[in-house]
N, C-alpha and C. Protein backbone atom coordinates (compact mmCIF):
# COMPACT_ATOMS: atom_id res chain seq x y z
N UNK A 1 -7.58 9.06 8.96
CA UNK A 1 -6.36 9.49 8.31
C UNK A 1 -5.20 8.77 8.97
N UNK A 2 -4.31 8.25 8.17
CA UNK A 2 -3.18 7.50 8.73
C UNK A 2 -2.17 8.44 9.36
N UNK A 3 -1.29 7.86 10.18
CA UNK A 3 -0.28 8.66 10.88
C UNK A 3 0.65 9.38 9.91
N UNK A 4 1.04 8.72 8.81
CA UNK A 4 1.98 9.38 7.91
C UNK A 4 1.31 10.50 7.14
N UNK A 5 -0.01 10.40 6.85
CA UNK A 5 -0.70 11.52 6.21
C UNK A 5 -0.80 12.67 7.20
N UNK A 6 -1.11 12.35 8.48
CA UNK A 6 -1.12 13.40 9.51
C UNK A 6 0.26 14.06 9.61
N UNK A 7 1.31 13.26 9.53
CA UNK A 7 2.66 13.81 9.60
C UNK A 7 2.92 14.77 8.45
N UNK A 8 2.45 14.41 7.25
CA UNK A 8 2.63 15.29 6.10
C UNK A 8 1.89 16.60 6.30
N UNK A 9 0.65 16.52 6.79
CA UNK A 9 -0.15 17.72 7.02
C UNK A 9 0.51 18.58 8.10
N UNK A 10 0.95 17.96 9.20
CA UNK A 10 1.62 18.71 10.28
C UNK A 10 2.90 19.35 9.77
N UNK A 11 3.63 18.61 8.97
CA UNK A 11 4.88 19.13 8.39
C UNK A 11 4.59 20.38 7.58
N UNK A 12 3.57 20.32 6.74
CA UNK A 12 3.27 21.45 5.87
C UNK A 12 2.77 22.65 6.66
N UNK A 13 1.93 22.41 7.66
CA UNK A 13 1.42 23.51 8.46
C UNK A 13 2.53 24.17 9.26
N UNK A 14 3.42 23.35 9.84
CA UNK A 14 4.52 23.89 10.66
C UNK A 14 5.54 24.64 9.84
N UNK A 15 5.80 24.17 8.64
CA UNK A 15 6.83 24.78 7.81
C UNK A 15 6.26 25.85 6.89
N UNK A 16 4.94 25.93 6.79
CA UNK A 16 4.33 26.90 5.90
C UNK A 16 4.46 26.52 4.43
N UNK A 17 4.80 25.27 4.16
CA UNK A 17 4.91 24.79 2.78
C UNK A 17 4.18 23.46 2.65
N UNK A 18 3.93 23.08 1.43
CA UNK A 18 3.32 21.77 1.18
C UNK A 18 4.42 20.74 1.01
N UNK A 19 4.31 19.59 1.69
CA UNK A 19 5.31 18.54 1.50
C UNK A 19 5.34 18.08 0.04
N UNK A 20 6.49 17.62 -0.37
CA UNK A 20 6.67 17.10 -1.72
C UNK A 20 6.69 15.58 -1.63
N UNK A 21 5.80 14.96 -2.38
CA UNK A 21 5.63 13.51 -2.30
C UNK A 21 5.83 12.89 -3.68
N UNK A 22 6.68 11.88 -3.72
CA UNK A 22 6.88 11.10 -4.94
C UNK A 22 6.07 9.81 -4.78
N UNK A 23 5.23 9.51 -5.75
CA UNK A 23 4.45 8.27 -5.75
C UNK A 23 5.04 7.35 -6.81
N UNK A 24 5.49 6.18 -6.37
CA UNK A 24 6.07 5.18 -7.27
C UNK A 24 5.25 3.92 -7.08
N UNK A 25 4.48 3.53 -8.09
CA UNK A 25 3.66 2.35 -7.89
C UNK A 25 2.89 1.90 -9.10
N UNK A 26 1.67 1.47 -8.82
CA UNK A 26 0.82 0.77 -9.77
C UNK A 26 -0.34 1.66 -10.25
N UNK A 27 -1.30 1.05 -10.90
CA UNK A 27 -2.47 1.79 -11.36
C UNK A 27 -3.24 2.42 -10.21
N UNK A 28 -3.11 1.89 -9.00
CA UNK A 28 -3.77 2.52 -7.86
C UNK A 28 -3.27 3.94 -7.65
N UNK A 29 -2.05 4.22 -8.04
CA UNK A 29 -1.49 5.55 -7.90
C UNK A 29 -1.92 6.52 -8.98
N UNK A 30 -2.44 6.01 -10.08
CA UNK A 30 -2.85 6.89 -11.19
C UNK A 30 -4.36 6.88 -11.42
N UNK A 31 -5.05 6.05 -10.69
CA UNK A 31 -6.50 5.92 -10.84
C UNK A 31 -7.20 7.24 -10.49
N UNK A 32 -8.15 7.67 -11.31
CA UNK A 32 -8.94 8.86 -11.02
C UNK A 32 -9.72 8.61 -9.73
N UNK A 33 -9.60 9.53 -8.80
CA UNK A 33 -10.28 9.38 -7.51
C UNK A 33 -9.50 8.50 -6.55
N UNK A 34 -8.28 8.12 -6.90
CA UNK A 34 -7.47 7.25 -6.06
C UNK A 34 -6.70 8.02 -5.00
N UNK A 35 -5.86 7.30 -4.29
CA UNK A 35 -5.16 7.91 -3.16
C UNK A 35 -4.23 9.03 -3.58
N UNK A 36 -3.56 8.92 -4.74
CA UNK A 36 -2.63 9.97 -5.17
C UNK A 36 -3.38 11.26 -5.48
N UNK A 37 -4.57 11.12 -6.04
CA UNK A 37 -5.38 12.31 -6.31
C UNK A 37 -5.78 12.96 -4.99
N UNK A 38 -6.15 12.14 -4.01
CA UNK A 38 -6.49 12.66 -2.68
C UNK A 38 -5.27 13.38 -2.08
N UNK A 39 -4.11 12.76 -2.15
CA UNK A 39 -2.90 13.37 -1.61
C UNK A 39 -2.59 14.70 -2.28
N UNK A 40 -2.86 14.79 -3.57
CA UNK A 40 -2.53 16.02 -4.31
C UNK A 40 -3.33 17.22 -3.82
N UNK A 41 -4.41 16.97 -3.08
CA UNK A 41 -5.17 18.07 -2.49
C UNK A 41 -4.45 18.68 -1.29
N UNK A 42 -3.55 17.92 -0.67
CA UNK A 42 -2.90 18.41 0.55
C UNK A 42 -1.38 18.50 0.45
N UNK A 43 -0.79 17.88 -0.56
CA UNK A 43 0.66 17.91 -0.75
C UNK A 43 0.97 18.07 -2.24
N UNK A 44 2.22 18.39 -2.56
CA UNK A 44 2.65 18.43 -3.95
C UNK A 44 3.08 17.02 -4.35
N UNK A 45 2.42 16.46 -5.36
CA UNK A 45 2.65 15.08 -5.76
C UNK A 45 3.31 15.02 -7.14
N UNK A 46 4.36 14.23 -7.22
CA UNK A 46 4.95 13.83 -8.49
C UNK A 46 4.69 12.34 -8.60
N UNK A 47 4.10 11.92 -9.69
CA UNK A 47 3.67 10.53 -9.80
C UNK A 47 4.38 9.85 -10.96
N UNK A 48 5.15 8.82 -10.66
CA UNK A 48 5.83 8.05 -11.71
C UNK A 48 5.31 6.61 -11.74
N UNK A 49 4.04 6.45 -11.36
CA UNK A 49 3.42 5.12 -11.32
C UNK A 49 3.07 4.65 -12.72
N UNK A 50 2.94 3.34 -12.85
CA UNK A 50 2.57 2.72 -14.11
C UNK A 50 1.62 1.57 -13.82
N UNK A 51 0.50 1.54 -14.51
CA UNK A 51 -0.47 0.48 -14.29
C UNK A 51 0.09 -0.89 -14.58
N UNK A 52 -0.42 -1.88 -13.86
CA UNK A 52 -0.07 -3.30 -14.03
C UNK A 52 1.42 -3.55 -13.81
N UNK A 53 2.06 -2.73 -12.98
CA UNK A 53 3.50 -2.89 -12.78
C UNK A 53 3.82 -3.49 -11.42
N UNK A 54 5.06 -3.95 -11.30
CA UNK A 54 5.59 -4.44 -10.03
C UNK A 54 6.78 -3.55 -9.67
N UNK A 55 7.46 -3.89 -8.61
CA UNK A 55 8.61 -3.09 -8.18
C UNK A 55 9.72 -3.07 -9.24
N UNK A 56 9.74 -4.03 -10.13
CA UNK A 56 10.74 -4.03 -11.20
C UNK A 56 10.64 -2.74 -12.02
N UNK A 57 9.43 -2.25 -12.21
CA UNK A 57 9.21 -1.00 -12.96
C UNK A 57 9.93 0.18 -12.31
N UNK A 58 10.08 0.15 -10.99
CA UNK A 58 10.68 1.29 -10.29
C UNK A 58 12.13 1.52 -10.69
N UNK A 59 12.81 0.49 -11.16
CA UNK A 59 14.20 0.65 -11.60
C UNK A 59 14.24 1.67 -12.73
N UNK A 60 13.29 1.55 -13.65
CA UNK A 60 13.22 2.49 -14.77
C UNK A 60 12.60 3.82 -14.36
N UNK A 61 11.47 3.78 -13.65
CA UNK A 61 10.72 5.00 -13.36
C UNK A 61 11.45 5.96 -12.42
N UNK A 62 12.37 5.44 -11.61
CA UNK A 62 13.09 6.32 -10.68
C UNK A 62 14.55 6.52 -11.07
N UNK A 63 14.93 6.03 -12.24
CA UNK A 63 16.33 6.11 -12.67
C UNK A 63 16.89 7.54 -12.56
N UNK A 64 16.13 8.52 -13.04
CA UNK A 64 16.59 9.91 -13.04
C UNK A 64 16.01 10.73 -11.89
N UNK A 65 15.37 10.09 -10.94
CA UNK A 65 14.74 10.81 -9.83
C UNK A 65 15.79 11.20 -8.80
N UNK A 66 15.75 12.46 -8.40
CA UNK A 66 16.59 12.93 -7.30
C UNK A 66 15.69 12.95 -6.06
N UNK A 67 15.85 11.96 -5.20
CA UNK A 67 15.00 11.84 -4.02
C UNK A 67 15.14 13.03 -3.09
N UNK A 68 16.22 13.79 -3.20
CA UNK A 68 16.39 14.98 -2.36
C UNK A 68 15.34 16.04 -2.67
N UNK A 69 14.66 15.92 -3.80
CA UNK A 69 13.59 16.86 -4.16
C UNK A 69 12.26 16.53 -3.50
N UNK A 70 12.23 15.48 -2.67
CA UNK A 70 10.98 15.02 -2.07
C UNK A 70 11.15 14.82 -0.57
N UNK A 71 10.05 15.05 0.13
CA UNK A 71 10.03 14.82 1.58
C UNK A 71 9.60 13.39 1.89
N UNK A 72 8.71 12.86 1.06
CA UNK A 72 8.16 11.51 1.24
C UNK A 72 8.13 10.81 -0.10
N UNK A 73 8.21 9.49 -0.06
CA UNK A 73 8.10 8.66 -1.26
C UNK A 73 7.17 7.50 -0.95
N UNK A 74 6.04 7.43 -1.62
CA UNK A 74 5.08 6.33 -1.43
C UNK A 74 5.47 5.19 -2.35
N UNK A 75 5.70 4.02 -1.76
CA UNK A 75 6.05 2.81 -2.52
C UNK A 75 4.83 1.90 -2.54
N UNK A 76 4.24 1.71 -3.71
CA UNK A 76 2.97 1.00 -3.85
C UNK A 76 3.08 -0.09 -4.93
N UNK A 77 3.60 -1.25 -4.56
CA UNK A 77 3.71 -2.35 -5.51
C UNK A 77 3.06 -3.63 -5.02
N UNK A 78 2.83 -3.70 -3.75
CA UNK A 78 2.38 -4.93 -3.08
C UNK A 78 1.21 -5.60 -3.81
N UNK A 79 0.22 -4.80 -4.20
CA UNK A 79 -0.99 -5.36 -4.79
C UNK A 79 -0.71 -6.14 -6.08
N UNK A 80 0.28 -5.69 -6.85
CA UNK A 80 0.59 -6.38 -8.11
C UNK A 80 1.67 -7.45 -7.97
N UNK A 81 2.22 -7.60 -6.79
CA UNK A 81 3.25 -8.61 -6.60
C UNK A 81 2.72 -9.89 -5.95
N UNK A 82 1.48 -9.87 -5.55
CA UNK A 82 0.87 -11.06 -4.93
C UNK A 82 0.89 -12.25 -5.89
N UNK A 83 0.32 -12.08 -7.09
CA UNK A 83 0.23 -13.20 -8.02
C UNK A 83 1.59 -13.69 -8.51
N UNK A 84 2.51 -12.80 -8.95
CA UNK A 84 3.82 -13.30 -9.39
C UNK A 84 4.60 -14.02 -8.28
N UNK A 85 4.46 -13.54 -7.05
CA UNK A 85 5.15 -14.20 -5.94
C UNK A 85 4.52 -15.56 -5.67
N UNK A 86 3.21 -15.62 -5.65
CA UNK A 86 2.49 -16.87 -5.40
C UNK A 86 2.77 -17.90 -6.50
N UNK A 87 2.89 -17.44 -7.75
CA UNK A 87 3.08 -18.35 -8.89
C UNK A 87 4.55 -18.63 -9.19
N UNK A 88 5.47 -18.08 -8.39
CA UNK A 88 6.88 -18.34 -8.60
C UNK A 88 7.51 -17.55 -9.73
N UNK A 89 6.80 -16.55 -10.27
CA UNK A 89 7.35 -15.72 -11.34
C UNK A 89 8.32 -14.68 -10.78
N UNK A 90 8.21 -14.38 -9.48
CA UNK A 90 9.13 -13.48 -8.79
C UNK A 90 9.46 -14.15 -7.46
N UNK A 91 10.62 -13.81 -6.92
CA UNK A 91 10.96 -14.29 -5.59
C UNK A 91 10.96 -13.11 -4.64
N UNK A 92 10.76 -13.38 -3.35
CA UNK A 92 10.81 -12.28 -2.39
C UNK A 92 12.21 -11.67 -2.37
N UNK A 93 13.25 -12.45 -2.58
CA UNK A 93 14.61 -11.91 -2.61
C UNK A 93 14.76 -10.85 -3.70
N UNK A 94 14.16 -11.10 -4.87
CA UNK A 94 14.21 -10.11 -5.96
C UNK A 94 13.48 -8.83 -5.56
N UNK A 95 12.27 -8.98 -5.04
CA UNK A 95 11.46 -7.83 -4.63
C UNK A 95 12.19 -7.06 -3.53
N UNK A 96 12.67 -7.78 -2.53
CA UNK A 96 13.35 -7.17 -1.40
C UNK A 96 14.57 -6.36 -1.85
N UNK A 97 15.33 -6.89 -2.78
CA UNK A 97 16.52 -6.21 -3.28
C UNK A 97 16.16 -4.90 -3.97
N UNK A 98 15.13 -4.92 -4.78
CA UNK A 98 14.70 -3.71 -5.49
C UNK A 98 14.19 -2.67 -4.50
N UNK A 99 13.35 -3.10 -3.57
CA UNK A 99 12.79 -2.17 -2.59
C UNK A 99 13.87 -1.63 -1.66
N UNK A 100 14.80 -2.47 -1.26
CA UNK A 100 15.91 -2.02 -0.40
C UNK A 100 16.68 -0.92 -1.11
N UNK A 101 16.93 -1.09 -2.41
CA UNK A 101 17.62 -0.07 -3.18
C UNK A 101 16.85 1.25 -3.17
N UNK A 102 15.54 1.18 -3.41
CA UNK A 102 14.71 2.39 -3.39
C UNK A 102 14.74 3.05 -2.02
N UNK A 103 14.58 2.26 -0.98
CA UNK A 103 14.55 2.78 0.39
C UNK A 103 15.89 3.44 0.73
N UNK A 104 16.99 2.81 0.36
CA UNK A 104 18.31 3.37 0.64
C UNK A 104 18.55 4.67 -0.13
N UNK A 105 18.15 4.68 -1.41
CA UNK A 105 18.30 5.91 -2.20
C UNK A 105 17.49 7.04 -1.60
N UNK A 106 16.27 6.74 -1.19
CA UNK A 106 15.39 7.77 -0.62
C UNK A 106 15.93 8.28 0.71
N UNK A 107 16.22 7.37 1.62
CA UNK A 107 16.65 7.80 2.96
C UNK A 107 18.00 8.49 2.92
N UNK A 108 18.89 8.10 2.02
CA UNK A 108 20.18 8.78 1.89
C UNK A 108 19.99 10.23 1.47
N UNK A 109 18.86 10.52 0.83
CA UNK A 109 18.54 11.88 0.38
C UNK A 109 17.60 12.60 1.33
N UNK A 110 17.37 12.00 2.49
CA UNK A 110 16.48 12.57 3.51
C UNK A 110 15.02 12.62 3.06
N UNK A 111 14.65 11.67 2.22
CA UNK A 111 13.27 11.48 1.78
C UNK A 111 12.74 10.25 2.52
N UNK A 112 11.60 10.38 3.18
CA UNK A 112 11.07 9.28 3.97
C UNK A 112 10.18 8.38 3.11
N UNK A 113 10.59 7.14 2.87
CA UNK A 113 9.73 6.21 2.14
C UNK A 113 8.56 5.76 3.03
N UNK A 114 7.42 5.57 2.40
CA UNK A 114 6.23 5.06 3.08
C UNK A 114 5.73 3.88 2.25
N UNK A 115 5.64 2.71 2.86
CA UNK A 115 5.20 1.51 2.15
C UNK A 115 3.68 1.44 2.21
N UNK A 116 3.07 1.32 1.06
CA UNK A 116 1.62 1.20 0.96
C UNK A 116 1.28 -0.25 0.63
N UNK A 117 0.56 -0.90 1.53
CA UNK A 117 0.18 -2.31 1.34
C UNK A 117 -1.32 -2.34 1.07
N UNK A 118 -1.68 -2.22 -0.20
CA UNK A 118 -3.08 -2.24 -0.57
C UNK A 118 -3.55 -3.68 -0.73
N UNK A 119 -4.72 -4.00 -0.20
CA UNK A 119 -5.19 -5.39 -0.25
C UNK A 119 -5.81 -5.76 -1.60
N UNK A 120 -5.82 -7.05 -1.85
CA UNK A 120 -6.54 -7.64 -2.98
C UNK A 120 -7.61 -8.54 -2.39
N UNK A 121 -8.72 -8.65 -3.06
CA UNK A 121 -9.77 -9.57 -2.62
C UNK A 121 -9.34 -10.96 -3.07
N UNK A 122 -9.02 -11.79 -2.10
CA UNK A 122 -8.50 -13.13 -2.38
C UNK A 122 -9.35 -14.18 -1.69
N UNK A 123 -9.31 -15.37 -2.21
CA UNK A 123 -9.97 -16.50 -1.57
C UNK A 123 -8.98 -17.28 -0.71
N UNK A 124 -7.76 -16.80 -0.64
CA UNK A 124 -6.71 -17.42 0.16
C UNK A 124 -5.98 -16.33 0.93
N UNK A 125 -5.27 -16.70 1.95
CA UNK A 125 -4.49 -15.74 2.73
C UNK A 125 -3.38 -15.16 1.85
N UNK A 126 -3.18 -13.84 1.88
CA UNK A 126 -2.16 -13.24 1.03
C UNK A 126 -0.75 -13.68 1.44
N UNK A 127 0.13 -13.82 0.44
CA UNK A 127 1.52 -14.19 0.73
C UNK A 127 2.44 -12.96 0.74
N UNK A 128 1.98 -11.84 0.24
CA UNK A 128 2.85 -10.67 0.08
C UNK A 128 2.80 -9.73 1.27
N UNK A 129 1.73 -9.73 2.04
CA UNK A 129 1.56 -8.77 3.11
C UNK A 129 2.67 -8.86 4.16
N UNK A 130 2.87 -10.02 4.72
CA UNK A 130 3.83 -10.16 5.82
C UNK A 130 5.26 -9.77 5.43
N UNK A 131 5.76 -10.19 4.26
CA UNK A 131 7.12 -9.75 3.88
C UNK A 131 7.23 -8.22 3.75
N UNK A 132 6.17 -7.58 3.24
CA UNK A 132 6.19 -6.12 3.13
C UNK A 132 6.20 -5.46 4.51
N UNK A 133 5.43 -5.99 5.44
CA UNK A 133 5.43 -5.46 6.80
C UNK A 133 6.82 -5.62 7.42
N UNK A 134 7.41 -6.81 7.27
CA UNK A 134 8.76 -7.04 7.82
C UNK A 134 9.78 -6.10 7.18
N UNK A 135 9.65 -5.87 5.87
CA UNK A 135 10.55 -4.94 5.17
C UNK A 135 10.47 -3.55 5.80
N UNK A 136 9.26 -3.04 5.96
CA UNK A 136 9.09 -1.71 6.54
C UNK A 136 9.62 -1.65 7.96
N UNK A 137 9.32 -2.67 8.74
CA UNK A 137 9.79 -2.69 10.13
C UNK A 137 11.32 -2.81 10.19
N UNK A 138 11.90 -3.62 9.33
CA UNK A 138 13.36 -3.78 9.31
C UNK A 138 14.07 -2.46 8.99
N UNK A 139 13.46 -1.68 8.09
CA UNK A 139 14.05 -0.40 7.70
C UNK A 139 13.53 0.77 8.56
N UNK A 140 12.64 0.44 9.48
CA UNK A 140 12.06 1.45 10.39
C UNK A 140 11.42 2.60 9.64
N UNK A 141 10.62 2.24 8.65
CA UNK A 141 9.88 3.24 7.88
C UNK A 141 8.39 2.98 8.05
N UNK A 142 7.58 4.01 7.90
CA UNK A 142 6.14 3.83 8.08
C UNK A 142 5.52 3.00 6.95
N UNK A 143 4.42 2.32 7.30
CA UNK A 143 3.67 1.59 6.29
C UNK A 143 2.20 1.69 6.63
N UNK A 144 1.38 1.65 5.60
CA UNK A 144 -0.07 1.62 5.75
C UNK A 144 -0.51 0.23 5.33
N UNK A 145 -1.02 -0.54 6.29
CA UNK A 145 -1.43 -1.92 6.05
C UNK A 145 -2.92 -1.97 5.72
N UNK A 146 -3.22 -2.00 4.45
CA UNK A 146 -4.61 -2.05 4.00
C UNK A 146 -5.33 -3.32 4.42
N UNK A 147 -4.60 -4.44 4.54
CA UNK A 147 -5.23 -5.68 4.99
C UNK A 147 -5.72 -5.54 6.43
N UNK A 148 -4.91 -4.95 7.28
CA UNK A 148 -5.31 -4.76 8.68
C UNK A 148 -6.47 -3.78 8.76
N UNK A 149 -6.44 -2.74 7.95
CA UNK A 149 -7.52 -1.76 7.94
C UNK A 149 -8.84 -2.41 7.53
N UNK A 150 -8.82 -3.17 6.44
CA UNK A 150 -10.03 -3.83 5.95
C UNK A 150 -10.53 -4.85 6.99
N UNK A 151 -9.61 -5.60 7.59
CA UNK A 151 -10.01 -6.59 8.59
C UNK A 151 -10.65 -5.92 9.80
N UNK A 152 -10.11 -4.77 10.21
CA UNK A 152 -10.69 -4.09 11.37
C UNK A 152 -12.09 -3.59 11.04
N UNK A 153 -12.30 -3.15 9.82
CA UNK A 153 -13.64 -2.71 9.41
C UNK A 153 -14.57 -3.92 9.24
N UNK A 154 -14.04 -5.03 8.77
CA UNK A 154 -14.85 -6.24 8.57
C UNK A 154 -15.36 -6.79 9.89
N UNK A 155 -14.57 -6.64 10.94
CA UNK A 155 -15.03 -7.11 12.25
C UNK A 155 -16.33 -6.42 12.63
N UNK A 156 -16.47 -5.16 12.24
CA UNK A 156 -17.72 -4.44 12.49
C UNK A 156 -18.86 -4.95 11.64
N UNK A 157 -18.56 -5.48 10.44
CA UNK A 157 -19.61 -6.00 9.57
C UNK A 157 -20.21 -7.31 10.08
N UNK A 158 -19.39 -8.10 10.77
CA UNK A 158 -19.85 -9.41 11.23
C UNK A 158 -21.10 -9.27 12.09
N UNK A 159 -21.17 -8.25 12.92
CA UNK A 159 -22.32 -8.03 13.78
C UNK A 159 -23.45 -7.27 13.11
N UNK A 160 -23.29 -6.91 11.85
CA UNK A 160 -24.28 -6.13 11.14
C UNK A 160 -25.07 -7.04 10.20
N UNK A 161 -26.33 -7.40 10.54
CA UNK A 161 -27.12 -8.32 9.70
C UNK A 161 -27.28 -7.82 8.26
N UNK A 162 -27.41 -6.52 8.06
CA UNK A 162 -27.56 -5.99 6.71
C UNK A 162 -26.30 -6.27 5.88
N UNK A 163 -25.14 -6.10 6.48
CA UNK A 163 -23.89 -6.37 5.77
C UNK A 163 -23.78 -7.83 5.39
N UNK A 164 -24.21 -8.72 6.28
CA UNK A 164 -24.16 -10.15 5.96
C UNK A 164 -25.09 -10.47 4.80
N UNK A 165 -26.25 -9.82 4.74
CA UNK A 165 -27.16 -10.04 3.62
C UNK A 165 -26.51 -9.62 2.31
N UNK A 166 -25.84 -8.48 2.31
CA UNK A 166 -25.18 -8.00 1.10
C UNK A 166 -24.11 -8.99 0.65
N UNK A 167 -23.32 -9.46 1.58
CA UNK A 167 -22.27 -10.43 1.25
C UNK A 167 -22.89 -11.71 0.72
N UNK A 168 -23.93 -12.22 1.40
CA UNK A 168 -24.54 -13.48 0.98
C UNK A 168 -25.24 -13.35 -0.36
N UNK A 169 -25.85 -12.22 -0.64
CA UNK A 169 -26.52 -12.02 -1.91
C UNK A 169 -25.53 -12.09 -3.07
N UNK A 170 -24.28 -11.75 -2.83
CA UNK A 170 -23.29 -11.79 -3.91
C UNK A 170 -22.59 -13.13 -3.98
N UNK A 171 -23.01 -14.09 -3.18
CA UNK A 171 -22.45 -15.43 -3.26
C UNK A 171 -21.57 -15.82 -2.09
N UNK A 172 -21.32 -14.90 -1.19
CA UNK A 172 -20.52 -15.24 -0.01
C UNK A 172 -19.08 -15.54 -0.38
N UNK A 173 -18.38 -16.15 0.56
CA UNK A 173 -17.00 -16.55 0.33
C UNK A 173 -16.01 -15.41 0.32
N UNK A 174 -16.16 -14.48 1.23
CA UNK A 174 -15.25 -13.36 1.31
C UNK A 174 -14.19 -13.63 2.37
N UNK A 175 -12.94 -13.58 1.98
CA UNK A 175 -11.84 -13.77 2.92
C UNK A 175 -11.00 -12.51 2.91
N UNK A 176 -10.86 -11.91 4.07
CA UNK A 176 -10.06 -10.71 4.19
C UNK A 176 -8.90 -11.04 5.09
N UNK A 177 -7.70 -11.05 4.55
CA UNK A 177 -6.53 -11.41 5.35
C UNK A 177 -5.90 -10.20 6.00
N UNK A 178 -5.44 -10.38 7.21
CA UNK A 178 -4.75 -9.29 7.90
C UNK A 178 -3.60 -9.83 8.73
N UNK A 179 -3.07 -10.95 8.36
CA UNK A 179 -1.95 -11.49 9.10
C UNK A 179 -2.37 -12.03 10.45
N UNK A 180 -2.64 -11.15 11.38
CA UNK A 180 -3.00 -11.60 12.73
C UNK A 180 -4.48 -11.91 12.86
N UNK A 181 -5.28 -11.37 11.96
CA UNK A 181 -6.72 -11.61 12.07
C UNK A 181 -7.31 -11.84 10.69
N UNK A 182 -8.08 -12.87 10.56
CA UNK A 182 -8.75 -13.15 9.30
C UNK A 182 -10.24 -13.29 9.58
N UNK A 183 -11.02 -12.62 8.80
CA UNK A 183 -12.47 -12.67 8.95
C UNK A 183 -13.03 -13.39 7.73
N UNK A 184 -13.78 -14.44 7.95
CA UNK A 184 -14.37 -15.17 6.85
C UNK A 184 -15.88 -15.06 6.95
N UNK A 185 -16.51 -14.59 5.88
CA UNK A 185 -17.95 -14.49 5.82
C UNK A 185 -18.40 -15.31 4.62
N UNK A 186 -18.81 -16.54 4.88
CA UNK A 186 -19.18 -17.36 3.72
C UNK A 186 -20.42 -18.18 3.94
N UNK A 187 -20.67 -18.65 5.15
CA UNK A 187 -21.78 -19.56 5.33
C UNK A 187 -22.90 -18.97 6.20
N UNK A 188 -22.83 -17.68 6.48
CA UNK A 188 -23.87 -17.07 7.32
C UNK A 188 -25.20 -17.08 6.59
N UNK A 189 -26.26 -17.39 7.28
CA UNK A 189 -27.60 -17.39 6.71
C UNK A 189 -28.39 -16.27 7.36
N UNK A 190 -29.16 -15.55 6.52
CA UNK A 190 -29.96 -14.46 7.08
C UNK A 190 -31.42 -14.70 6.80
């Protein structure tokens, strides 16, 4: 369990109430069995996510949102902004401006934004992860780095012969980026 989920649980236990969480993001936020459904078991969730969306969608989806009604706000756009950023359809300046606006609106209302950086399976190092981490660090808000989480788990797979067989049987060539650590499993023979 991540630190911010622990914080939400501690908050609710200490206050005798369930934290109120606004989820603003992509299809990952509305997927059956996804993280928002998991969160709804432990906190009160309002979800304004839209599938196949980027942070541009948040301008519309949060237009009438009063962030003072929430304790936390999950920002989940990273996964859908990788391709547009890589292909030049969006610039980081555009994304940063939109997210900065969301973060400022939330924090001004005493709602703590949490940046969710969900990974994509890529054959190249992701371009979106590092700017999102810097954004969260610059604003001193929590973030969950899915790339780092997957990479830390992948390090355990490297020493597991059964895991290598599974990867090789599917054709190999798995690259998991985590900024500081990248694990490549492509040419192992079992």
